[in-house]
Structure formats: structure tokens, C-alpha cells
Amino acid sequence: MIRYQLEPQLGVDDFIDVLIRSTLAERRPVHERSTIETMLRKADILLTARDEARLIGVSRAISDFSFCTYLSDLAVDESYQGRGIGRELVRMTHLEAGLNTALILLAAPKAQTYYPHIGMTKHDSAWVIPRIPHV
């Protein structure tokens, strides 16, 4: 049975491990521990999905809890994908932030077909200034 919970003290190693098992590590600075640690500590919402003690999914979001919520990371272990875990993490993230907020995310290239499947609509005017990694 999958257990979902708020987990604001999620550890860096667990987070990196699930990023790797979900393939999201390809687009996250998993070799910059201090960056990952700050990402976790500064998040407003950290939701996890666990099978027994094993971390199999995570949703990390930043929110003002009034108008908008940015779902920055949605990661589900590849061996657990297709079971509704991502959908439930998105739903619970939006509930935690407040349904009065717009839930916003930038889709990873491999996940672009997933989000319409769970009821999200595409927005064609997102603009980004790329990250400049620490040197």
C-alpha cells in the first residue's frame, strides 16, 4: 500500500535517489549537494509517496498559498510509474497549496504527454532565464 505524506524534513540522499530512479536527475543538479539541500529546505511543500519505507515518489513545490503554486519537481520511480502515484502527488500538492492557486509546472521533455493525461492544460507562453550553475 502506498502512503502519501507531507515530509518537510526529507533527506538529501533520499531525494537524490528518487530523482535518479525517476530519470529526473538528468535535469537536476544531483552532484551539487548544497544546491539540493537548499532546494529541499526552501520548498514550501514537500510531499512523498512511500511503499513501506522505500521512497518512490516526491512532489516539491513553491507557493504563496494564495494565487500560484510552482510544482518544481514531480518524480516517481520508473518501476512504479503508471499506477497513479504522480497524479495523486499532483492532486495532494494542489490541495495543500489551496485550490485557489494556479498549479504551474515546466514539463520535462519525456513527460510532456503525461500532463494532459492527468487533466492539466498546456500554456504556450512560459519564459525562462536559464540557471547558471555554481562554478
N, C-alpha and C. Protein backbone atom coordinates (compact mmCIF):
# COMPACT_ATOMS: atom_id res chain seq x y z
N MET A 1 0.83 -1.18 0.00
CA MET A 1 0.00 0.00 0.00
C MET A 1 0.89 1.26 0.00
N ILE A 2 0.59 2.18 -0.87
CA ILE A 2 1.35 3.42 -0.99
C ILE A 2 0.87 4.42 0.05
N ARG A 3 1.80 5.01 0.78
CA ARG A 3 1.49 6.01 1.81
C ARG A 3 1.99 7.37 1.34
N TYR A 4 1.11 8.36 1.34
CA TYR A 4 1.44 9.73 0.95
C TYR A 4 1.49 10.59 2.20
N GLN A 5 2.47 11.50 2.25
CA GLN A 5 2.55 12.37 3.41
C GLN A 5 3.38 13.61 3.12
N LEU A 6 3.11 14.65 3.89
CA LEU A 6 4.00 15.81 3.89
C LEU A 6 5.28 15.36 4.58
N GLU A 7 6.41 15.70 4.01
CA GLU A 7 7.68 15.28 4.59
C GLU A 7 8.70 16.42 4.46
N PRO A 8 8.50 17.51 5.24
CA PRO A 8 9.36 18.69 5.10
C PRO A 8 10.83 18.44 5.45
N GLN A 9 11.12 17.37 6.16
CA GLN A 9 12.50 17.07 6.55
C GLN A 9 13.12 15.99 5.65
N LEU A 10 12.58 15.82 4.44
CA LEU A 10 13.11 14.82 3.52
C LEU A 10 14.62 14.99 3.37
N GLY A 11 15.34 13.89 3.44
CA GLY A 11 16.80 13.92 3.36
C GLY A 11 17.32 14.05 1.94
N VAL A 12 18.48 14.65 1.83
CA VAL A 12 19.13 14.88 0.54
C VAL A 12 19.37 13.56 -0.19
N ASP A 13 19.89 12.56 0.51
CA ASP A 13 20.20 11.28 -0.14
C ASP A 13 18.95 10.60 -0.69
N ASP A 14 17.86 10.62 0.09
CA ASP A 14 16.61 10.02 -0.38
C ASP A 14 16.09 10.76 -1.62
N PHE A 15 16.16 12.10 -1.57
CA PHE A 15 15.67 12.89 -2.70
C PHE A 15 16.49 12.60 -3.96
N ILE A 16 17.81 12.62 -3.84
CA ILE A 16 18.66 12.33 -5.00
C ILE A 16 18.38 10.94 -5.53
N ASP A 17 18.23 9.98 -4.64
CA ASP A 17 17.98 8.59 -5.06
C ASP A 17 16.70 8.48 -5.89
N VAL A 18 15.61 9.12 -5.44
CA VAL A 18 14.36 9.03 -6.21
C VAL A 18 14.46 9.84 -7.50
N LEU A 19 15.22 10.92 -7.51
CA LEU A 19 15.43 11.66 -8.76
C LEU A 19 16.12 10.76 -9.79
N ILE A 20 17.10 10.01 -9.34
CA ILE A 20 17.82 9.10 -10.24
C ILE A 20 16.89 7.99 -10.73
N ARG A 21 16.12 7.39 -9.83
CA ARG A 21 15.24 6.29 -10.20
C ARG A 21 14.06 6.74 -11.05
N SER A 22 13.82 8.04 -11.12
CA SER A 22 12.72 8.56 -11.94
C SER A 22 13.21 9.12 -13.27
N THR A 23 14.48 9.27 -13.45
CA THR A 23 15.19 9.91 -14.58
C THR A 23 15.18 11.43 -14.50
N LEU A 24 14.55 12.02 -13.49
CA LEU A 24 14.56 13.48 -13.37
C LEU A 24 15.96 14.00 -13.04
N ALA A 25 16.83 13.14 -12.55
CA ALA A 25 18.21 13.53 -12.24
C ALA A 25 18.93 14.06 -13.46
N GLU A 26 18.47 13.68 -14.65
CA GLU A 26 19.09 14.18 -15.89
C GLU A 26 18.99 15.69 -15.99
N ARG A 27 18.01 16.29 -15.30
CA ARG A 27 17.78 17.73 -15.38
C ARG A 27 17.85 18.42 -14.02
N ARG A 28 18.47 17.78 -13.06
CA ARG A 28 18.61 18.37 -11.73
C ARG A 28 20.08 18.28 -11.30
N PRO A 29 20.52 19.23 -10.47
CA PRO A 29 21.94 19.28 -10.08
C PRO A 29 22.28 18.28 -8.97
N VAL A 30 22.12 17.01 -9.26
CA VAL A 30 22.29 15.98 -8.22
C VAL A 30 23.73 15.87 -7.72
N HIS A 31 24.68 16.46 -8.43
CA HIS A 31 26.08 16.41 -7.99
C HIS A 31 26.45 17.67 -7.21
N GLU A 32 25.46 18.52 -6.95
CA GLU A 32 25.66 19.72 -6.14
C GLU A 32 24.84 19.57 -4.86
N ARG A 33 25.40 18.85 -3.89
CA ARG A 33 24.66 18.54 -2.65
C ARG A 33 24.11 19.77 -1.97
N SER A 34 24.90 20.84 -1.92
CA SER A 34 24.43 22.03 -1.21
C SER A 34 23.24 22.65 -1.93
N THR A 35 23.22 22.57 -3.26
CA THR A 35 22.08 23.09 -4.02
C THR A 35 20.85 22.24 -3.74
N ILE A 36 21.00 20.92 -3.78
CA ILE A 36 19.88 20.02 -3.50
C ILE A 36 19.36 20.26 -2.08
N GLU A 37 20.26 20.42 -1.12
CA GLU A 37 19.84 20.67 0.26
C GLU A 37 19.04 21.96 0.36
N THR A 38 19.48 23.00 -0.31
CA THR A 38 18.75 24.27 -0.30
C THR A 38 17.41 24.14 -1.00
N MET A 39 17.37 23.40 -2.11
CA MET A 39 16.11 23.15 -2.81
C MET A 39 15.08 22.54 -1.86
N LEU A 40 15.52 21.60 -1.06
CA LEU A 40 14.61 20.93 -0.13
C LEU A 40 14.19 21.86 1.02
N ARG A 41 15.13 22.55 1.60
CA ARG A 41 14.84 23.39 2.77
C ARG A 41 14.00 24.62 2.42
N LYS A 42 14.10 25.11 1.20
CA LYS A 42 13.37 26.31 0.81
C LYS A 42 12.02 26.00 0.16
N ALA A 43 11.74 24.72 -0.05
CA ALA A 43 10.44 24.34 -0.63
C ALA A 43 9.33 24.63 0.36
N ASP A 44 8.19 25.04 -0.16
CA ASP A 44 7.02 25.28 0.68
C ASP A 44 6.23 23.99 0.91
N ILE A 45 6.27 23.10 -0.07
CA ILE A 45 5.52 21.85 0.02
C ILE A 45 6.43 20.71 -0.44
N LEU A 46 6.64 19.74 0.42
CA LEU A 46 7.35 18.51 0.08
C LEU A 46 6.43 17.35 0.43
N LEU A 47 5.91 16.70 -0.60
CA LEU A 47 5.04 15.54 -0.42
C LEU A 47 5.78 14.31 -0.90
N THR A 48 5.62 13.23 -0.21
CA THR A 48 6.27 11.99 -0.63
C THR A 48 5.27 10.87 -0.78
N ALA A 49 5.67 9.89 -1.56
CA ALA A 49 4.94 8.63 -1.69
C ALA A 49 5.94 7.54 -1.31
N ARG A 50 5.50 6.66 -0.40
CA ARG A 50 6.38 5.59 0.06
C ARG A 50 5.65 4.25 -0.03
N ASP A 51 6.42 3.25 -0.43
CA ASP A 51 5.95 1.86 -0.39
C ASP A 51 6.72 1.23 0.77
N GLU A 52 6.01 1.02 1.88
CA GLU A 52 6.68 0.69 3.15
C GLU A 52 7.61 1.88 3.46
N ALA A 53 8.90 1.64 3.67
CA ALA A 53 9.82 2.74 3.97
C ALA A 53 10.46 3.31 2.70
N ARG A 54 10.33 2.59 1.59
CA ARG A 54 11.01 2.99 0.34
C ARG A 54 10.35 4.21 -0.28
N LEU A 55 11.14 5.27 -0.49
CA LEU A 55 10.66 6.47 -1.16
C LEU A 55 10.51 6.16 -2.64
N ILE A 56 9.29 6.32 -3.15
CA ILE A 56 9.04 6.01 -4.56
C ILE A 56 8.55 7.22 -5.36
N GLY A 57 8.23 8.31 -4.65
CA GLY A 57 7.77 9.49 -5.36
C GLY A 57 7.89 10.73 -4.50
N VAL A 58 8.05 11.87 -5.16
CA VAL A 58 8.14 13.13 -4.44
C VAL A 58 7.57 14.26 -5.29
N SER A 59 6.95 15.19 -4.63
CA SER A 59 6.49 16.43 -5.25
C SER A 59 7.08 17.57 -4.42
N ARG A 60 7.79 18.48 -5.09
CA ARG A 60 8.41 19.62 -4.42
C ARG A 60 7.86 20.88 -5.06
N ALA A 61 7.25 21.75 -4.24
CA ALA A 61 6.59 22.93 -4.79
C ALA A 61 6.90 24.18 -3.97
N ILE A 62 6.78 25.31 -4.65
CA ILE A 62 6.93 26.63 -4.06
C ILE A 62 5.60 27.34 -4.26
N SER A 63 5.07 27.92 -3.18
CA SER A 63 3.73 28.50 -3.27
C SER A 63 3.60 29.76 -2.42
N ASP A 64 2.71 30.66 -2.85
CA ASP A 64 2.32 31.77 -1.99
C ASP A 64 1.01 31.44 -1.27
N PHE A 65 0.45 30.26 -1.55
CA PHE A 65 -0.75 29.74 -0.92
C PHE A 65 -1.97 30.65 -1.13
N SER A 66 -1.89 31.50 -2.15
CA SER A 66 -2.97 32.45 -2.39
C SER A 66 -3.32 32.57 -3.87
N PHE A 67 -2.29 32.60 -4.72
CA PHE A 67 -2.52 32.84 -6.13
C PHE A 67 -1.85 31.79 -7.02
N CYS A 68 -0.60 31.43 -6.70
CA CYS A 68 0.09 30.48 -7.58
C CYS A 68 0.96 29.51 -6.80
N THR A 69 1.12 28.34 -7.39
CA THR A 69 1.97 27.28 -6.86
C THR A 69 2.79 26.74 -8.02
N TYR A 70 4.11 26.75 -7.86
CA TYR A 70 5.01 26.21 -8.88
C TYR A 70 5.46 24.82 -8.44
N LEU A 71 5.02 23.82 -9.16
CA LEU A 71 5.42 22.44 -8.88
C LEU A 71 6.74 22.21 -9.61
N SER A 72 7.81 22.35 -8.89
CA SER A 72 9.13 22.31 -9.49
C SER A 72 9.61 20.90 -9.81
N ASP A 73 9.32 19.95 -8.93
CA ASP A 73 9.78 18.58 -9.13
C ASP A 73 8.65 17.61 -8.87
N LEU A 74 8.40 16.78 -9.85
CA LEU A 74 7.50 15.64 -9.69
C LEU A 74 8.27 14.43 -10.18
N ALA A 75 8.62 13.57 -9.25
CA ALA A 75 9.45 12.42 -9.58
C ALA A 75 8.82 11.15 -9.03
N VAL A 76 8.67 10.15 -9.90
CA VAL A 76 8.17 8.84 -9.47
C VAL A 76 9.13 7.79 -10.02
N ASP A 77 9.57 6.92 -9.14
CA ASP A 77 10.44 5.80 -9.50
C ASP A 77 9.87 5.13 -10.76
N GLU A 78 10.71 4.93 -11.77
CA GLU A 78 10.24 4.35 -13.04
C GLU A 78 9.51 3.03 -12.85
N SER A 79 9.94 2.22 -11.88
CA SER A 79 9.30 0.92 -11.69
C SER A 79 7.90 1.04 -11.07
N TYR A 80 7.52 2.23 -10.62
CA TYR A 80 6.20 2.47 -10.03
C TYR A 80 5.33 3.35 -10.93
N GLN A 81 5.85 3.79 -12.05
CA GLN A 81 5.07 4.67 -12.91
C GLN A 81 3.91 3.92 -13.54
N GLY A 82 2.84 4.65 -13.86
CA GLY A 82 1.65 4.05 -14.44
C GLY A 82 0.65 3.55 -13.41
N ARG A 83 0.88 3.86 -12.15
CA ARG A 83 -0.02 3.40 -11.07
C ARG A 83 -0.80 4.55 -10.43
N GLY A 84 -0.72 5.75 -11.00
CA GLY A 84 -1.47 6.88 -10.46
C GLY A 84 -0.75 7.64 -9.35
N ILE A 85 0.49 7.32 -9.09
CA ILE A 85 1.24 7.96 -8.00
C ILE A 85 1.52 9.42 -8.32
N GLY A 86 1.95 9.70 -9.54
CA GLY A 86 2.20 11.09 -9.94
C GLY A 86 0.93 11.91 -9.88
N ARG A 87 -0.15 11.36 -10.39
CA ARG A 87 -1.45 12.05 -10.35
C ARG A 87 -1.85 12.39 -8.91
N GLU A 88 -1.66 11.44 -8.00
CA GLU A 88 -2.03 11.67 -6.60
C GLU A 88 -1.11 12.71 -5.96
N LEU A 89 0.17 12.68 -6.27
CA LEU A 89 1.08 13.69 -5.73
C LEU A 89 0.71 15.08 -6.23
N VAL A 90 0.33 15.20 -7.51
CA VAL A 90 -0.11 16.49 -8.05
C VAL A 90 -1.38 16.95 -7.34
N ARG A 91 -2.34 16.05 -7.21
CA ARG A 91 -3.61 16.38 -6.56
C ARG A 91 -3.38 16.86 -5.12
N MET A 92 -2.56 16.12 -4.38
CA MET A 92 -2.32 16.47 -2.99
C MET A 92 -1.51 17.77 -2.86
N THR A 93 -0.61 18.00 -3.79
CA THR A 93 0.15 19.26 -3.79
C THR A 93 -0.79 20.44 -3.97
N HIS A 94 -1.71 20.31 -4.93
CA HIS A 94 -2.66 21.39 -5.18
C HIS A 94 -3.58 21.59 -3.98
N LEU A 95 -4.03 20.53 -3.36
CA LEU A 95 -4.85 20.64 -2.15
C LEU A 95 -4.09 21.33 -1.03
N GLU A 96 -2.85 20.95 -0.84
CA GLU A 96 -2.03 21.53 0.23
C GLU A 96 -1.80 23.02 -0.01
N ALA A 97 -1.58 23.40 -1.24
CA ALA A 97 -1.34 24.81 -1.57
C ALA A 97 -2.63 25.62 -1.54
N GLY A 98 -3.74 24.95 -1.81
CA GLY A 98 -5.04 25.61 -1.90
C GLY A 98 -5.52 25.58 -3.34
N LEU A 99 -6.73 25.11 -3.51
CA LEU A 99 -7.28 25.00 -4.87
C LEU A 99 -7.50 26.38 -5.50
N ASN A 100 -7.40 27.44 -4.70
CA ASN A 100 -7.49 28.80 -5.23
C ASN A 100 -6.20 29.22 -5.94
N THR A 101 -5.15 28.40 -5.83
CA THR A 101 -3.91 28.73 -6.54
C THR A 101 -3.89 28.05 -7.90
N ALA A 102 -3.23 28.70 -8.85
CA ALA A 102 -2.96 28.07 -10.14
C ALA A 102 -1.74 27.17 -9.94
N LEU A 103 -1.82 25.93 -10.36
CA LEU A 103 -0.71 24.99 -10.25
C LEU A 103 0.06 25.04 -11.57
N ILE A 104 1.33 25.38 -11.49
CA ILE A 104 2.16 25.62 -12.67
C ILE A 104 3.36 24.70 -12.64
N LEU A 105 3.75 24.15 -13.79
CA LEU A 105 4.99 23.38 -13.87
C LEU A 105 5.56 23.48 -15.27
N LEU A 106 6.86 23.23 -15.36
CA LEU A 106 7.53 23.12 -16.65
C LEU A 106 7.79 21.63 -16.86
N ALA A 107 7.25 21.08 -17.92
CA ALA A 107 7.36 19.63 -18.15
C ALA A 107 8.73 19.26 -18.70
N ALA A 108 9.26 18.18 -18.17
CA ALA A 108 10.46 17.59 -18.76
C ALA A 108 10.09 17.06 -20.13
N PRO A 109 11.02 17.08 -21.08
CA PRO A 109 10.70 16.61 -22.43
C PRO A 109 10.03 15.24 -22.47
N LYS A 110 10.50 14.30 -21.66
CA LYS A 110 9.94 12.94 -21.66
C LYS A 110 8.53 12.89 -21.06
N ALA A 111 8.14 13.93 -20.31
CA ALA A 111 6.86 13.89 -19.59
C ALA A 111 5.78 14.75 -20.23
N GLN A 112 6.05 15.35 -21.36
CA GLN A 112 5.08 16.27 -21.95
C GLN A 112 3.74 15.63 -22.29
N THR A 113 3.73 14.37 -22.61
CA THR A 113 2.45 13.72 -22.92
C THR A 113 1.72 13.26 -21.66
N TYR A 114 2.40 13.24 -20.52
CA TYR A 114 1.80 12.80 -19.27
C TYR A 114 0.80 13.81 -18.72
N TYR A 115 1.15 15.08 -18.72
CA TYR A 115 0.35 16.08 -18.02
C TYR A 115 -1.05 16.28 -18.59
N PRO A 116 -1.26 16.27 -19.89
CA PRO A 116 -2.65 16.33 -20.37
C PRO A 116 -3.47 15.13 -19.88
N HIS A 117 -2.80 14.00 -19.75
CA HIS A 117 -3.45 12.76 -19.30
C HIS A 117 -4.05 12.91 -17.89
N ILE A 118 -3.45 13.78 -17.06
CA ILE A 118 -3.96 13.95 -15.69
C ILE A 118 -4.78 15.23 -15.54
N GLY A 119 -5.17 15.84 -16.67
CA GLY A 119 -6.08 16.97 -16.63
C GLY A 119 -5.45 18.35 -16.65
N MET A 120 -4.15 18.42 -16.90
CA MET A 120 -3.51 19.73 -16.97
C MET A 120 -3.58 20.26 -18.40
N THR A 121 -3.62 21.57 -18.55
CA THR A 121 -3.67 22.18 -19.88
C THR A 121 -2.35 22.85 -20.18
N LYS A 122 -1.98 22.82 -21.46
CA LYS A 122 -0.73 23.40 -21.92
C LYS A 122 -0.86 24.92 -21.97
N HIS A 123 0.22 25.58 -21.59
CA HIS A 123 0.29 27.05 -21.65
C HIS A 123 1.46 27.40 -22.56
N ASP A 124 1.21 28.19 -23.56
CA ASP A 124 2.23 28.44 -24.59
C ASP A 124 3.12 29.65 -24.36
N SER A 125 3.02 30.30 -23.21
CA SER A 125 3.86 31.50 -23.06
C SER A 125 4.70 31.49 -21.79
N ALA A 126 5.38 30.39 -21.54
CA ALA A 126 6.32 30.35 -20.42
C ALA A 126 7.66 30.91 -20.90
N TRP A 127 8.31 31.66 -20.05
CA TRP A 127 9.59 32.27 -20.38
C TRP A 127 10.57 31.96 -19.27
N VAL A 128 11.82 31.70 -19.63
CA VAL A 128 12.80 31.24 -18.65
C VAL A 128 14.13 31.95 -18.86
N ILE A 129 14.77 32.33 -17.78
CA ILE A 129 16.18 32.71 -17.80
C ILE A 129 16.91 31.49 -17.26
N PRO A 130 17.77 30.85 -18.06
CA PRO A 130 18.41 29.61 -17.64
C PRO A 130 19.26 29.77 -16.38
N ARG A 131 19.37 28.70 -15.65
CA ARG A 131 20.20 28.62 -14.46
C ARG A 131 21.67 28.68 -14.85
N ILE A 132 22.47 29.40 -14.10
CA ILE A 132 23.92 29.39 -14.27
C ILE A 132 24.48 28.64 -13.06
N PRO A 133 24.96 27.42 -13.28
CA PRO A 133 25.43 26.60 -12.15
C PRO A 133 26.60 27.27 -11.41
N HIS A 134 26.72 26.91 -10.12
CA HIS A 134 27.86 27.39 -9.33
C HIS A 134 29.15 26.90 -9.97
N VAL A 135 30.12 27.72 -9.95
CA VAL A 135 31.39 27.32 -10.54
C VAL A 135 32.41 27.02 -9.48
